[in-house]
Amino acid sequence: MNHYEPQPENNKPKYKGKYRIDSTRLPAWSYARNAGYFVTICTDGKKCFFGEVVQDEMQRSPIGEIAHKLWYEIPNHFSNCQIDSFCVMPNHIHGILVINQIQKDAINPRTQEEDAMNRVSTRGDIQRGGVTGLFNPMLSKNSLSKIIRWYKGRCTFEINQIYQGFGWQERFHDNIIRNEFALDQIRQYIINNPINWESDREQPPHHPL
């Protein structure tokens, strides 16, 4: 079994400096803007719903197979989104998503020098202002948060057909991929994730379900 998830050749983004990003998460940052994102989504309580790592290889459970299958379906539901390298681990998913700009969703970002690891809620509350407010650009059509919300919701729906009690952490982590070097580093990190599982900070102290 491979240590990484194969990616169709025609679905790999070509960066070559194209996705230069000058902003970290700010109120004016549009998550429908052209950009690559390194995304991590964890299960609720970091429980090992998705399987286990055996001899440095990921052995997916039936729940893990659903999570794996539905990641490939993201571009079918969001035509502006491409998938790159990804892996389903016992209690989390690492993946690279590239969002191509849709003009009506885009706004001018403010600029800021520093990088950051970001945490975004995918709770569907649009009745109030703030992070989950009605006019939050992170919740605009085909934004990163919208894509992850669809993925998590669809996984939960299908998994509940075979297992009651599955859940996700409310938030997900994302990093903006700023250049080709960072992209290559992240790809290698994803590929090597099963090999490094024993030292992975997401590894829980309990056994797989």
N, C-alpha and C. Protein backbone atom coordinates (compact mmCIF):
# COMPACT_ATOMS: atom_id res chain seq x y z
N MET A 1 0.85 -1.20 0.00
CA MET A 1 0.00 0.00 0.00
C MET A 1 0.88 1.25 0.00
N ASN A 2 0.50 2.26 -0.71
CA ASN A 2 1.28 3.48 -0.80
C ASN A 2 1.16 4.27 0.49
N HIS A 3 2.15 5.13 0.73
CA HIS A 3 2.13 5.99 1.91
C HIS A 3 1.41 7.30 1.64
N TYR A 4 0.86 7.49 0.49
CA TYR A 4 0.18 8.73 0.16
C TYR A 4 -0.98 8.44 -0.77
N GLU A 5 -1.85 9.42 -0.92
CA GLU A 5 -3.00 9.26 -1.79
C GLU A 5 -2.63 9.71 -3.20
N PRO A 6 -2.74 8.86 -4.22
CA PRO A 6 -2.38 9.26 -5.59
C PRO A 6 -3.26 10.38 -6.09
N GLN A 7 -2.69 11.24 -6.90
CA GLN A 7 -3.41 12.39 -7.40
C GLN A 7 -3.43 12.37 -8.91
N PRO A 8 -4.60 12.46 -9.54
CA PRO A 8 -4.66 12.49 -11.00
C PRO A 8 -3.80 13.60 -11.56
N GLU A 9 -3.04 13.30 -12.59
CA GLU A 9 -2.09 14.23 -13.17
C GLU A 9 -2.76 15.52 -13.60
N ASN A 10 -3.96 15.44 -14.18
CA ASN A 10 -4.61 16.64 -14.70
C ASN A 10 -5.26 17.47 -13.61
N ASN A 11 -5.12 17.04 -12.37
CA ASN A 11 -5.73 17.79 -11.27
C ASN A 11 -4.68 18.45 -10.39
N LYS A 12 -3.39 18.32 -10.76
CA LYS A 12 -2.35 18.93 -9.97
C LYS A 12 -2.14 20.38 -10.40
N PRO A 13 -2.16 21.31 -9.43
CA PRO A 13 -1.98 22.71 -9.79
C PRO A 13 -0.55 23.00 -10.18
N LYS A 14 -0.36 23.94 -11.06
CA LYS A 14 0.97 24.38 -11.45
C LYS A 14 1.18 25.76 -10.84
N TYR A 15 2.04 25.84 -9.80
CA TYR A 15 2.21 27.09 -9.08
C TYR A 15 3.10 28.07 -9.86
N LYS A 16 4.41 27.78 -9.89
CA LYS A 16 5.37 28.63 -10.61
C LYS A 16 5.20 30.10 -10.22
N GLY A 17 5.03 30.35 -8.92
CA GLY A 17 4.89 31.71 -8.44
C GLY A 17 3.53 32.32 -8.66
N LYS A 18 2.59 31.58 -9.20
CA LYS A 18 1.29 32.15 -9.54
C LYS A 18 0.47 32.50 -8.32
N TYR A 19 0.64 31.71 -7.23
CA TYR A 19 -0.22 31.89 -6.07
C TYR A 19 0.51 32.64 -4.96
N ARG A 20 1.03 33.81 -5.27
CA ARG A 20 1.69 34.62 -4.26
C ARG A 20 0.63 35.27 -3.39
N ILE A 21 0.72 35.05 -2.09
CA ILE A 21 -0.30 35.53 -1.16
C ILE A 21 0.33 36.52 -0.19
N ASP A 22 -0.28 37.67 0.01
CA ASP A 22 0.27 38.71 0.86
C ASP A 22 -0.52 38.92 2.14
N SER A 23 -1.42 38.01 2.46
CA SER A 23 -2.26 38.22 3.62
C SER A 23 -2.46 36.94 4.39
N THR A 24 -2.46 37.02 5.72
CA THR A 24 -2.93 35.93 6.54
C THR A 24 -4.40 36.20 6.85
N ARG A 25 -4.97 35.42 7.78
CA ARG A 25 -6.41 35.58 8.00
C ARG A 25 -6.74 36.95 8.59
N LEU A 26 -7.52 37.69 7.86
CA LEU A 26 -8.00 39.00 8.27
C LEU A 26 -9.46 39.11 7.87
N PRO A 27 -10.21 40.05 8.47
CA PRO A 27 -11.61 40.20 8.07
C PRO A 27 -11.80 40.45 6.58
N ALA A 28 -10.80 41.06 5.92
CA ALA A 28 -10.95 41.39 4.50
C ALA A 28 -10.40 40.31 3.58
N TRP A 29 -9.91 39.21 4.15
CA TRP A 29 -9.34 38.16 3.31
C TRP A 29 -10.44 37.27 2.77
N SER A 30 -10.47 37.10 1.45
CA SER A 30 -11.49 36.25 0.83
C SER A 30 -10.96 34.84 0.64
N TYR A 31 -11.67 33.89 1.21
CA TYR A 31 -11.27 32.49 1.05
C TYR A 31 -11.79 31.91 -0.25
N ALA A 32 -12.26 32.75 -1.14
CA ALA A 32 -12.56 32.34 -2.51
C ALA A 32 -11.50 32.87 -3.46
N ARG A 33 -10.44 33.45 -2.92
CA ARG A 33 -9.35 34.01 -3.72
C ARG A 33 -8.46 32.89 -4.24
N ASN A 34 -7.77 33.14 -5.38
CA ASN A 34 -6.80 32.18 -5.88
C ASN A 34 -5.77 31.87 -4.80
N ALA A 35 -5.67 30.63 -4.40
CA ALA A 35 -4.70 30.27 -3.37
C ALA A 35 -4.67 28.78 -3.18
N GLY A 36 -3.52 28.29 -2.68
CA GLY A 36 -3.42 26.91 -2.23
C GLY A 36 -3.45 26.88 -0.72
N TYR A 37 -4.13 25.90 -0.16
CA TYR A 37 -4.26 25.78 1.29
C TYR A 37 -3.89 24.38 1.74
N PHE A 38 -3.10 24.30 2.80
CA PHE A 38 -2.82 23.04 3.47
C PHE A 38 -3.81 22.92 4.62
N VAL A 39 -4.68 21.92 4.53
CA VAL A 39 -5.80 21.80 5.45
C VAL A 39 -5.64 20.55 6.31
N THR A 40 -5.94 20.69 7.61
CA THR A 40 -6.00 19.55 8.52
C THR A 40 -7.36 19.55 9.20
N ILE A 41 -8.04 18.42 9.14
CA ILE A 41 -9.35 18.26 9.77
C ILE A 41 -9.25 17.08 10.74
N CYS A 42 -9.63 17.30 11.99
CA CYS A 42 -9.52 16.25 13.01
C CYS A 42 -10.90 15.74 13.43
N THR A 43 -10.93 14.49 13.86
CA THR A 43 -12.16 13.93 14.40
C THR A 43 -12.42 14.47 15.80
N ASP A 44 -13.65 14.40 16.23
CA ASP A 44 -14.02 14.85 17.57
C ASP A 44 -13.28 14.01 18.61
N GLY A 45 -12.60 14.70 19.52
CA GLY A 45 -11.84 13.99 20.53
C GLY A 45 -10.62 13.27 19.99
N LYS A 46 -10.29 13.51 18.72
CA LYS A 46 -9.17 12.84 18.04
C LYS A 46 -9.28 11.31 18.14
N LYS A 47 -10.50 10.82 18.06
CA LYS A 47 -10.72 9.38 18.07
C LYS A 47 -10.34 8.78 16.71
N CYS A 48 -9.82 7.57 16.74
CA CYS A 48 -9.31 6.94 15.52
C CYS A 48 -10.42 6.22 14.76
N PHE A 49 -11.34 7.00 14.21
CA PHE A 49 -12.44 6.44 13.43
C PHE A 49 -11.97 5.87 12.09
N PHE A 50 -10.89 6.43 11.53
CA PHE A 50 -10.56 6.18 10.13
C PHE A 50 -9.68 4.95 9.91
N GLY A 51 -9.20 4.32 10.97
CA GLY A 51 -8.36 3.14 10.81
C GLY A 51 -7.14 3.19 11.69
N GLU A 52 -6.07 2.55 11.26
CA GLU A 52 -4.84 2.52 12.04
C GLU A 52 -3.64 2.41 11.11
N VAL A 53 -2.49 2.80 11.65
CA VAL A 53 -1.24 2.69 10.91
C VAL A 53 -0.56 1.39 11.32
N VAL A 54 -0.28 0.53 10.35
CA VAL A 54 0.37 -0.76 10.59
C VAL A 54 1.63 -0.82 9.74
N GLN A 55 2.78 -0.96 10.40
CA GLN A 55 4.06 -1.02 9.70
C GLN A 55 4.22 0.14 8.72
N ASP A 56 3.95 1.32 9.22
CA ASP A 56 4.14 2.58 8.47
C ASP A 56 3.17 2.75 7.31
N GLU A 57 2.11 1.97 7.27
CA GLU A 57 1.12 2.12 6.21
C GLU A 57 -0.26 2.30 6.83
N MET A 58 -1.05 3.18 6.25
CA MET A 58 -2.40 3.44 6.74
C MET A 58 -3.35 2.35 6.27
N GLN A 59 -4.03 1.72 7.23
CA GLN A 59 -5.05 0.72 6.94
C GLN A 59 -6.41 1.35 7.26
N ARG A 60 -7.15 1.72 6.22
CA ARG A 60 -8.40 2.45 6.44
C ARG A 60 -9.53 1.52 6.86
N SER A 61 -10.32 1.99 7.81
CA SER A 61 -11.55 1.32 8.22
C SER A 61 -12.65 1.64 7.21
N PRO A 62 -13.82 1.01 7.30
CA PRO A 62 -14.93 1.42 6.42
C PRO A 62 -15.26 2.90 6.53
N ILE A 63 -15.14 3.46 7.73
CA ILE A 63 -15.36 4.90 7.90
C ILE A 63 -14.27 5.68 7.17
N GLY A 64 -13.03 5.22 7.29
CA GLY A 64 -11.93 5.87 6.59
C GLY A 64 -12.07 5.80 5.08
N GLU A 65 -12.65 4.72 4.58
CA GLU A 65 -12.88 4.60 3.14
C GLU A 65 -13.89 5.64 2.66
N ILE A 66 -14.88 5.93 3.48
CA ILE A 66 -15.85 6.97 3.13
C ILE A 66 -15.17 8.33 3.07
N ALA A 67 -14.35 8.63 4.09
CA ALA A 67 -13.64 9.91 4.11
C ALA A 67 -12.71 10.03 2.91
N HIS A 68 -12.06 8.95 2.55
CA HIS A 68 -11.15 8.93 1.40
C HIS A 68 -11.92 9.17 0.09
N LYS A 69 -13.01 8.45 -0.08
CA LYS A 69 -13.80 8.56 -1.31
C LYS A 69 -14.35 9.97 -1.50
N LEU A 70 -14.87 10.56 -0.42
CA LEU A 70 -15.53 11.86 -0.54
C LEU A 70 -14.55 13.00 -0.78
N TRP A 71 -13.30 12.83 -0.36
CA TRP A 71 -12.31 13.88 -0.65
C TRP A 71 -12.13 14.02 -2.16
N TYR A 72 -12.14 12.90 -2.87
CA TYR A 72 -12.02 12.93 -4.33
C TYR A 72 -13.23 13.59 -4.98
N GLU A 73 -14.35 13.64 -4.29
CA GLU A 73 -15.56 14.21 -4.86
C GLU A 73 -15.64 15.73 -4.72
N ILE A 74 -14.74 16.33 -3.96
CA ILE A 74 -14.79 17.78 -3.74
C ILE A 74 -14.82 18.55 -5.06
N PRO A 75 -13.93 18.27 -6.04
CA PRO A 75 -13.98 19.05 -7.29
C PRO A 75 -15.27 18.85 -8.08
N ASN A 76 -15.97 17.74 -7.85
CA ASN A 76 -17.24 17.52 -8.54
C ASN A 76 -18.34 18.44 -8.04
N HIS A 77 -18.19 18.93 -6.83
CA HIS A 77 -19.19 19.81 -6.24
C HIS A 77 -18.74 21.27 -6.21
N PHE A 78 -17.43 21.50 -6.33
CA PHE A 78 -16.87 22.86 -6.34
C PHE A 78 -15.91 22.94 -7.52
N SER A 79 -16.41 23.42 -8.64
CA SER A 79 -15.64 23.39 -9.88
C SER A 79 -14.41 24.28 -9.83
N ASN A 80 -14.37 25.22 -8.89
CA ASN A 80 -13.21 26.10 -8.77
C ASN A 80 -12.14 25.51 -7.87
N CYS A 81 -12.33 24.30 -7.36
CA CYS A 81 -11.39 23.72 -6.39
C CYS A 81 -10.69 22.51 -6.99
N GLN A 82 -9.37 22.47 -6.84
CA GLN A 82 -8.57 21.32 -7.24
C GLN A 82 -8.00 20.66 -5.99
N ILE A 83 -7.87 19.33 -6.03
CA ILE A 83 -7.21 18.63 -4.94
C ILE A 83 -5.81 18.25 -5.37
N ASP A 84 -4.91 18.30 -4.42
CA ASP A 84 -3.52 17.89 -4.63
C ASP A 84 -3.27 16.72 -3.68
N SER A 85 -2.08 16.59 -3.15
CA SER A 85 -1.76 15.49 -2.24
C SER A 85 -2.66 15.52 -1.01
N PHE A 86 -3.05 14.34 -0.54
CA PHE A 86 -3.80 14.25 0.71
C PHE A 86 -3.63 12.87 1.29
N CYS A 87 -3.92 12.74 2.59
CA CYS A 87 -3.90 11.42 3.22
C CYS A 87 -4.94 11.39 4.33
N VAL A 88 -5.58 10.24 4.46
CA VAL A 88 -6.50 9.99 5.56
C VAL A 88 -5.72 9.24 6.62
N MET A 89 -5.58 9.85 7.79
CA MET A 89 -4.89 9.24 8.92
C MET A 89 -5.92 8.72 9.92
N PRO A 90 -5.51 8.00 10.96
CA PRO A 90 -6.49 7.40 11.87
C PRO A 90 -7.50 8.39 12.46
N ASN A 91 -7.05 9.60 12.79
CA ASN A 91 -7.97 10.54 13.44
C ASN A 91 -7.96 11.93 12.81
N HIS A 92 -7.37 12.05 11.64
CA HIS A 92 -7.36 13.35 10.97
C HIS A 92 -7.08 13.17 9.49
N ILE A 93 -7.29 14.24 8.76
CA ILE A 93 -7.03 14.26 7.32
C ILE A 93 -6.13 15.44 7.02
N HIS A 94 -5.08 15.21 6.25
CA HIS A 94 -4.25 16.27 5.71
C HIS A 94 -4.53 16.36 4.21
N GLY A 95 -4.67 17.56 3.68
CA GLY A 95 -4.86 17.69 2.26
C GLY A 95 -4.51 19.07 1.76
N ILE A 96 -4.17 19.14 0.48
CA ILE A 96 -3.92 20.42 -0.18
C ILE A 96 -5.09 20.70 -1.11
N LEU A 97 -5.69 21.86 -0.94
CA LEU A 97 -6.77 22.32 -1.81
C LEU A 97 -6.35 23.61 -2.48
N VAL A 98 -6.62 23.72 -3.77
CA VAL A 98 -6.32 24.94 -4.52
C VAL A 98 -7.64 25.53 -4.99
N ILE A 99 -7.89 26.77 -4.59
CA ILE A 99 -9.12 27.46 -4.97
C ILE A 99 -8.81 28.46 -6.07
N ASN A 100 -9.49 28.35 -7.18
CA ASN A 100 -9.36 29.30 -8.28
C ASN A 100 -10.44 30.35 -8.16
N GLN A 101 -10.05 31.58 -8.34
CA GLN A 101 -10.93 32.71 -8.06
C GLN A 101 -12.19 32.72 -8.92
N ILE A 102 -13.30 33.00 -8.27
CA ILE A 102 -14.56 33.32 -8.94
C ILE A 102 -14.79 34.81 -8.69
N GLN A 103 -14.84 35.59 -9.74
CA GLN A 103 -14.77 37.04 -9.63
C GLN A 103 -15.77 37.62 -8.66
N LYS A 104 -17.01 37.17 -8.68
CA LYS A 104 -18.03 37.78 -7.84
C LYS A 104 -17.82 37.49 -6.36
N ASP A 105 -16.97 36.47 -6.04
CA ASP A 105 -16.71 36.15 -4.65
C ASP A 105 -15.48 36.88 -4.12
N ALA A 106 -14.70 37.51 -5.00
CA ALA A 106 -13.41 38.05 -4.60
C ALA A 106 -13.54 39.46 -4.06
N ILE A 107 -12.68 39.77 -3.06
CA ILE A 107 -12.58 41.12 -2.55
C ILE A 107 -11.11 41.45 -2.41
N ASN A 108 -10.78 42.72 -2.23
CA ASN A 108 -9.39 43.11 -2.12
C ASN A 108 -8.87 42.79 -0.72
N PRO A 109 -7.81 41.98 -0.61
CA PRO A 109 -7.29 41.65 0.71
C PRO A 109 -6.41 42.76 1.25
N ARG A 110 -6.39 42.91 2.57
CA ARG A 110 -5.38 43.74 3.20
C ARG A 110 -4.08 42.95 3.19
N THR A 111 -2.98 43.63 3.41
CA THR A 111 -1.69 42.94 3.39
C THR A 111 -1.12 42.86 4.79
N GLN A 112 -0.39 41.77 5.02
CA GLN A 112 0.27 41.56 6.30
C GLN A 112 1.41 40.59 6.06
N GLU A 113 2.56 40.82 6.71
CA GLU A 113 3.77 40.08 6.39
C GLU A 113 3.80 38.68 6.99
N GLU A 114 3.33 38.51 8.22
CA GLU A 114 3.57 37.27 8.93
C GLU A 114 2.70 36.12 8.43
N ASP A 115 3.21 34.90 8.62
CA ASP A 115 2.45 33.69 8.35
C ASP A 115 1.74 33.28 9.63
N ALA A 116 0.75 32.39 9.50
CA ALA A 116 0.06 31.89 10.68
C ALA A 116 -0.60 30.56 10.39
N MET A 117 -0.72 29.74 11.43
CA MET A 117 -1.57 28.56 11.37
C MET A 117 -2.95 29.03 11.81
N ASN A 118 -3.94 28.81 11.00
CA ASN A 118 -5.26 29.35 11.25
C ASN A 118 -6.24 28.25 11.63
N ARG A 119 -7.25 28.64 12.42
CA ARG A 119 -8.30 27.71 12.80
C ARG A 119 -9.62 28.35 12.45
N VAL A 120 -10.44 27.62 11.69
CA VAL A 120 -11.69 28.17 11.18
C VAL A 120 -12.84 27.29 11.62
N SER A 121 -13.91 27.92 12.06
CA SER A 121 -15.10 27.17 12.43
C SER A 121 -15.90 26.83 11.19
N THR A 122 -16.50 25.64 11.17
CA THR A 122 -17.41 25.28 10.09
C THR A 122 -18.82 25.13 10.61
N ARG A 123 -19.09 25.69 11.78
CA ARG A 123 -20.44 25.68 12.31
C ARG A 123 -21.34 26.52 11.42
N GLY A 124 -22.53 26.05 11.15
CA GLY A 124 -23.39 26.69 10.16
C GLY A 124 -24.26 27.80 10.71
N ASP A 125 -23.74 28.62 11.60
CA ASP A 125 -24.54 29.70 12.19
C ASP A 125 -24.32 30.97 11.40
N ILE A 126 -25.33 31.40 10.61
CA ILE A 126 -25.19 32.63 9.83
C ILE A 126 -26.20 33.68 10.29
N GLN A 127 -26.73 33.51 11.49
CA GLN A 127 -27.75 34.43 11.97
C GLN A 127 -27.16 35.60 12.75
N ARG A 128 -25.85 35.57 13.00
CA ARG A 128 -25.26 36.64 13.78
C ARG A 128 -23.96 37.09 13.14
N GLY A 129 -23.40 38.18 13.66
CA GLY A 129 -22.16 38.71 13.11
C GLY A 129 -20.95 37.95 13.62
N GLY A 130 -19.76 38.54 13.40
CA GLY A 130 -18.55 37.90 13.88
C GLY A 130 -18.05 36.84 12.92
N VAL A 131 -17.36 35.87 13.48
CA VAL A 131 -16.68 34.86 12.67
C VAL A 131 -17.65 34.10 11.78
N THR A 132 -18.86 33.82 12.28
CA THR A 132 -19.82 33.06 11.48
C THR A 132 -20.94 33.95 10.96
N GLY A 133 -20.66 35.24 10.83
CA GLY A 133 -21.70 36.18 10.44
C GLY A 133 -22.14 36.05 8.99
N LEU A 134 -23.26 36.66 8.68
CA LEU A 134 -23.89 36.53 7.38
C LEU A 134 -23.00 37.01 6.25
N PHE A 135 -22.22 38.09 6.49
CA PHE A 135 -21.43 38.69 5.42
C PHE A 135 -19.95 38.33 5.53
N ASN A 136 -19.62 37.33 6.28
CA ASN A 136 -18.24 36.90 6.41
C ASN A 136 -17.75 36.31 5.08
N PRO A 137 -16.67 36.86 4.49
CA PRO A 137 -16.20 36.35 3.20
C PRO A 137 -15.75 34.90 3.25
N MET A 138 -15.40 34.40 4.45
CA MET A 138 -15.00 33.00 4.55
C MET A 138 -16.17 32.07 4.26
N LEU A 139 -17.40 32.58 4.35
CA LEU A 139 -18.57 31.76 4.10
C LEU A 139 -19.17 32.03 2.73
N SER A 140 -18.47 32.79 1.88
CA SER A 140 -18.99 33.08 0.55
C SER A 140 -19.01 31.81 -0.29
N LYS A 141 -19.76 31.88 -1.38
CA LYS A 141 -19.91 30.72 -2.26
C LYS A 141 -18.55 30.21 -2.72
N ASN A 142 -18.34 28.90 -2.61
CA ASN A 142 -17.12 28.25 -3.07
C ASN A 142 -15.87 28.66 -2.30
N SER A 143 -16.02 29.21 -1.08
CA SER A 143 -14.87 29.53 -0.25
C SER A 143 -14.34 28.27 0.41
N LEU A 144 -13.16 28.38 1.02
CA LEU A 144 -12.57 27.23 1.69
C LEU A 144 -13.49 26.70 2.78
N SER A 145 -14.03 27.57 3.61
CA SER A 145 -14.90 27.12 4.69
C SER A 145 -16.14 26.43 4.17
N LYS A 146 -16.68 26.93 3.07
CA LYS A 146 -17.86 26.30 2.46
C LYS A 146 -17.51 24.89 1.96
N ILE A 147 -16.35 24.76 1.36
CA ILE A 147 -15.91 23.46 0.85
C ILE A 147 -15.73 22.47 1.99
N ILE A 148 -15.05 22.89 3.05
CA ILE A 148 -14.82 21.99 4.18
C ILE A 148 -16.13 21.66 4.88
N ARG A 149 -17.02 22.63 4.98
CA ARG A 149 -18.32 22.35 5.61
C ARG A 149 -19.08 21.28 4.82
N TRP A 150 -19.05 21.40 3.48
CA TRP A 150 -19.72 20.38 2.66
C TRP A 150 -19.08 19.02 2.90
N TYR A 151 -17.75 18.97 2.87
CA TYR A 151 -17.06 17.69 3.03
C TYR A 151 -17.38 17.05 4.37
N LYS A 152 -17.27 17.82 5.44
CA LYS A 152 -17.54 17.26 6.76
C LYS A 152 -18.99 16.80 6.89
N GLY A 153 -19.90 17.60 6.37
CA GLY A 153 -21.31 17.24 6.45
C GLY A 153 -21.64 15.99 5.66
N ARG A 154 -21.06 15.88 4.46
CA ARG A 154 -21.34 14.70 3.64
C ARG A 154 -20.75 13.44 4.27
N CYS A 155 -19.53 13.57 4.80
CA CYS A 155 -18.92 12.44 5.50
C CYS A 155 -19.79 11.99 6.66
N THR A 156 -20.23 12.94 7.47
CA THR A 156 -21.04 12.61 8.64
C THR A 156 -22.31 11.90 8.22
N PHE A 157 -22.96 12.40 7.17
CA PHE A 157 -24.20 11.79 6.69
C PHE A 157 -23.98 10.34 6.27
N GLU A 158 -22.95 10.09 5.46
CA GLU A 158 -22.72 8.73 4.96
C GLU A 158 -22.21 7.81 6.06
N ILE A 159 -21.36 8.32 6.94
CA ILE A 159 -20.83 7.50 8.02
C ILE A 159 -21.94 7.09 8.98
N ASN A 160 -22.88 7.99 9.23
CA ASN A 160 -23.98 7.68 10.15
C ASN A 160 -24.87 6.55 9.64
N GLN A 161 -24.76 6.22 8.36
CA GLN A 161 -25.52 5.09 7.83
C GLN A 161 -24.95 3.76 8.33
N ILE A 162 -23.68 3.76 8.73
CA ILE A 162 -23.05 2.51 9.17
C ILE A 162 -22.57 2.56 10.61
N TYR A 163 -22.45 3.78 11.17
CA TYR A 163 -21.93 3.91 12.53
C TYR A 163 -22.50 5.16 13.18
N GLN A 164 -23.10 5.00 14.35
CA GLN A 164 -23.63 6.13 15.10
C GLN A 164 -22.59 6.58 16.12
N GLY A 165 -22.33 7.86 16.16
CA GLY A 165 -21.39 8.38 17.15
C GLY A 165 -20.18 9.06 16.55
N PHE A 166 -20.10 9.09 15.22
CA PHE A 166 -18.98 9.79 14.59
C PHE A 166 -19.15 11.30 14.70
N GLY A 167 -18.04 12.00 14.82
CA GLY A 167 -18.09 13.46 14.84
C GLY A 167 -16.76 14.07 14.46
N TRP A 168 -16.81 15.34 14.08
CA TRP A 168 -15.62 16.12 13.74
C TRP A 168 -15.36 17.16 14.83
N GLN A 169 -14.12 17.60 14.94
CA GLN A 169 -13.86 18.84 15.66
C GLN A 169 -14.55 19.97 14.90
N GLU A 170 -15.07 20.94 15.64
CA GLU A 170 -15.81 22.02 14.99
C GLU A 170 -14.93 22.80 14.04
N ARG A 171 -13.69 23.03 14.42
CA ARG A 171 -12.80 23.86 13.61
C ARG A 171 -11.84 23.00 12.79
N PHE A 172 -11.27 23.63 11.77
CA PHE A 172 -10.20 22.98 11.02
C PHE A 172 -9.02 23.93 10.94
N HIS A 173 -7.84 23.38 10.67
CA HIS A 173 -6.62 24.17 10.56
C HIS A 173 -6.28 24.37 9.09
N ASP A 174 -5.77 25.55 8.75
CA ASP A 174 -5.30 25.75 7.38
C ASP A 174 -4.10 26.67 7.35
N ASN A 175 -3.22 26.41 6.42
CA ASN A 175 -2.07 27.27 6.12
C ASN A 175 -2.15 27.68 4.67
N ILE A 176 -1.91 28.94 4.39
CA ILE A 176 -1.80 29.40 3.02
C ILE A 176 -0.45 28.96 2.46
N ILE A 177 -0.46 28.35 1.29
CA ILE A 177 0.77 27.90 0.65
C ILE A 177 1.30 29.04 -0.21
N ARG A 178 2.48 29.56 0.14
CA ARG A 178 2.93 30.82 -0.43
C ARG A 178 3.83 30.67 -1.65
N ASN A 179 4.44 29.51 -1.85
CA ASN A 179 5.35 29.37 -2.98
C ASN A 179 5.57 27.89 -3.29
N GLU A 180 6.32 27.64 -4.36
CA GLU A 180 6.56 26.27 -4.81
C GLU A 180 7.35 25.46 -3.78
N PHE A 181 8.30 26.11 -3.12
CA PHE A 181 9.09 25.40 -2.10
C PHE A 181 8.19 24.91 -0.97
N ALA A 182 7.33 25.78 -0.48
CA ALA A 182 6.41 25.39 0.59
C ALA A 182 5.49 24.26 0.13
N LEU A 183 5.03 24.34 -1.13
CA LEU A 183 4.17 23.30 -1.67
C LEU A 183 4.88 21.95 -1.65
N ASP A 184 6.14 21.91 -2.10
CA ASP A 184 6.89 20.66 -2.11
C ASP A 184 7.10 20.12 -0.70
N GLN A 185 7.40 21.02 0.25
CA GLN A 185 7.61 20.59 1.63
C GLN A 185 6.34 19.98 2.22
N ILE A 186 5.22 20.60 1.94
CA ILE A 186 3.95 20.11 2.48
C ILE A 186 3.57 18.78 1.84
N ARG A 187 3.81 18.65 0.54
CA ARG A 187 3.55 17.37 -0.12
C ARG A 187 4.35 16.25 0.53
N GLN A 188 5.62 16.51 0.81
CA GLN A 188 6.45 15.49 1.46
C GLN A 188 5.95 15.18 2.86
N TYR A 189 5.53 16.20 3.58
CA TYR A 189 4.99 15.98 4.92
C TYR A 189 3.77 15.07 4.87
N ILE A 190 2.89 15.32 3.91
CA ILE A 190 1.68 14.49 3.76
C ILE A 190 2.05 13.06 3.40
N ILE A 191 2.95 12.89 2.44
CA ILE A 191 3.37 11.57 2.00
C ILE A 191 3.97 10.76 3.15
N ASN A 192 4.75 11.44 4.00
CA ASN A 192 5.45 10.76 5.09
C ASN A 192 4.63 10.65 6.36
N ASN A 193 3.42 11.14 6.36
CA ASN A 193 2.63 11.16 7.59
C ASN A 193 2.44 9.77 8.21
N PRO A 194 2.10 8.74 7.44
CA PRO A 194 1.97 7.41 8.06
C PRO A 194 3.28 6.91 8.67
N ILE A 195 4.40 7.21 8.03
CA ILE A 195 5.71 6.79 8.55
C ILE A 195 5.99 7.46 9.88
N ASN A 196 5.57 8.70 10.03
CA ASN A 196 5.85 9.49 11.23
C ASN A 196 4.72 9.45 12.25
N TRP A 197 3.79 8.51 12.08
CA TRP A 197 2.61 8.46 12.95
C TRP A 197 2.97 8.35 14.43
N GLU A 198 3.99 7.58 14.77
CA GLU A 198 4.34 7.37 16.17
C GLU A 198 4.70 8.67 16.87
N SER A 199 5.22 9.62 16.13
CA SER A 199 5.60 10.91 16.73
C SER A 199 4.63 12.02 16.37
N ASP A 200 3.53 11.68 15.71
CA ASP A 200 2.56 12.68 15.25
C ASP A 200 1.85 13.31 16.44
N ARG A 201 1.78 14.62 16.45
CA ARG A 201 1.13 15.32 17.57
C ARG A 201 -0.37 15.05 17.62
N GLU A 202 -0.96 14.57 16.51
CA GLU A 202 -2.38 14.27 16.51
C GLU A 202 -2.68 12.87 17.04
N GLN A 203 -1.64 12.07 17.31
CA GLN A 203 -1.87 10.70 17.76
C GLN A 203 -2.45 10.68 19.17
N PRO A 204 -3.55 10.01 19.39
CA PRO A 204 -4.17 9.96 20.72
C PRO A 204 -3.53 8.87 21.57
N PRO A 205 -3.79 8.88 22.88
CA PRO A 205 -3.22 7.86 23.75
C PRO A 205 -3.98 6.54 23.71
N HIS A 206 -5.14 6.48 23.01
CA HIS A 206 -5.95 5.27 23.02
C HIS A 206 -5.87 4.54 21.68
N HIS A 207 -6.37 3.33 21.64
CA HIS A 207 -6.31 2.49 20.45
C HIS A 207 -7.41 2.88 19.46
N PRO A 208 -7.27 2.45 18.20
CA PRO A 208 -8.32 2.73 17.21
C PRO A 208 -9.64 2.09 17.61
N LEU A 209 -10.73 2.68 17.10
CA LEU A 209 -12.05 2.12 17.37
C LEU A 209 -12.24 0.84 16.58
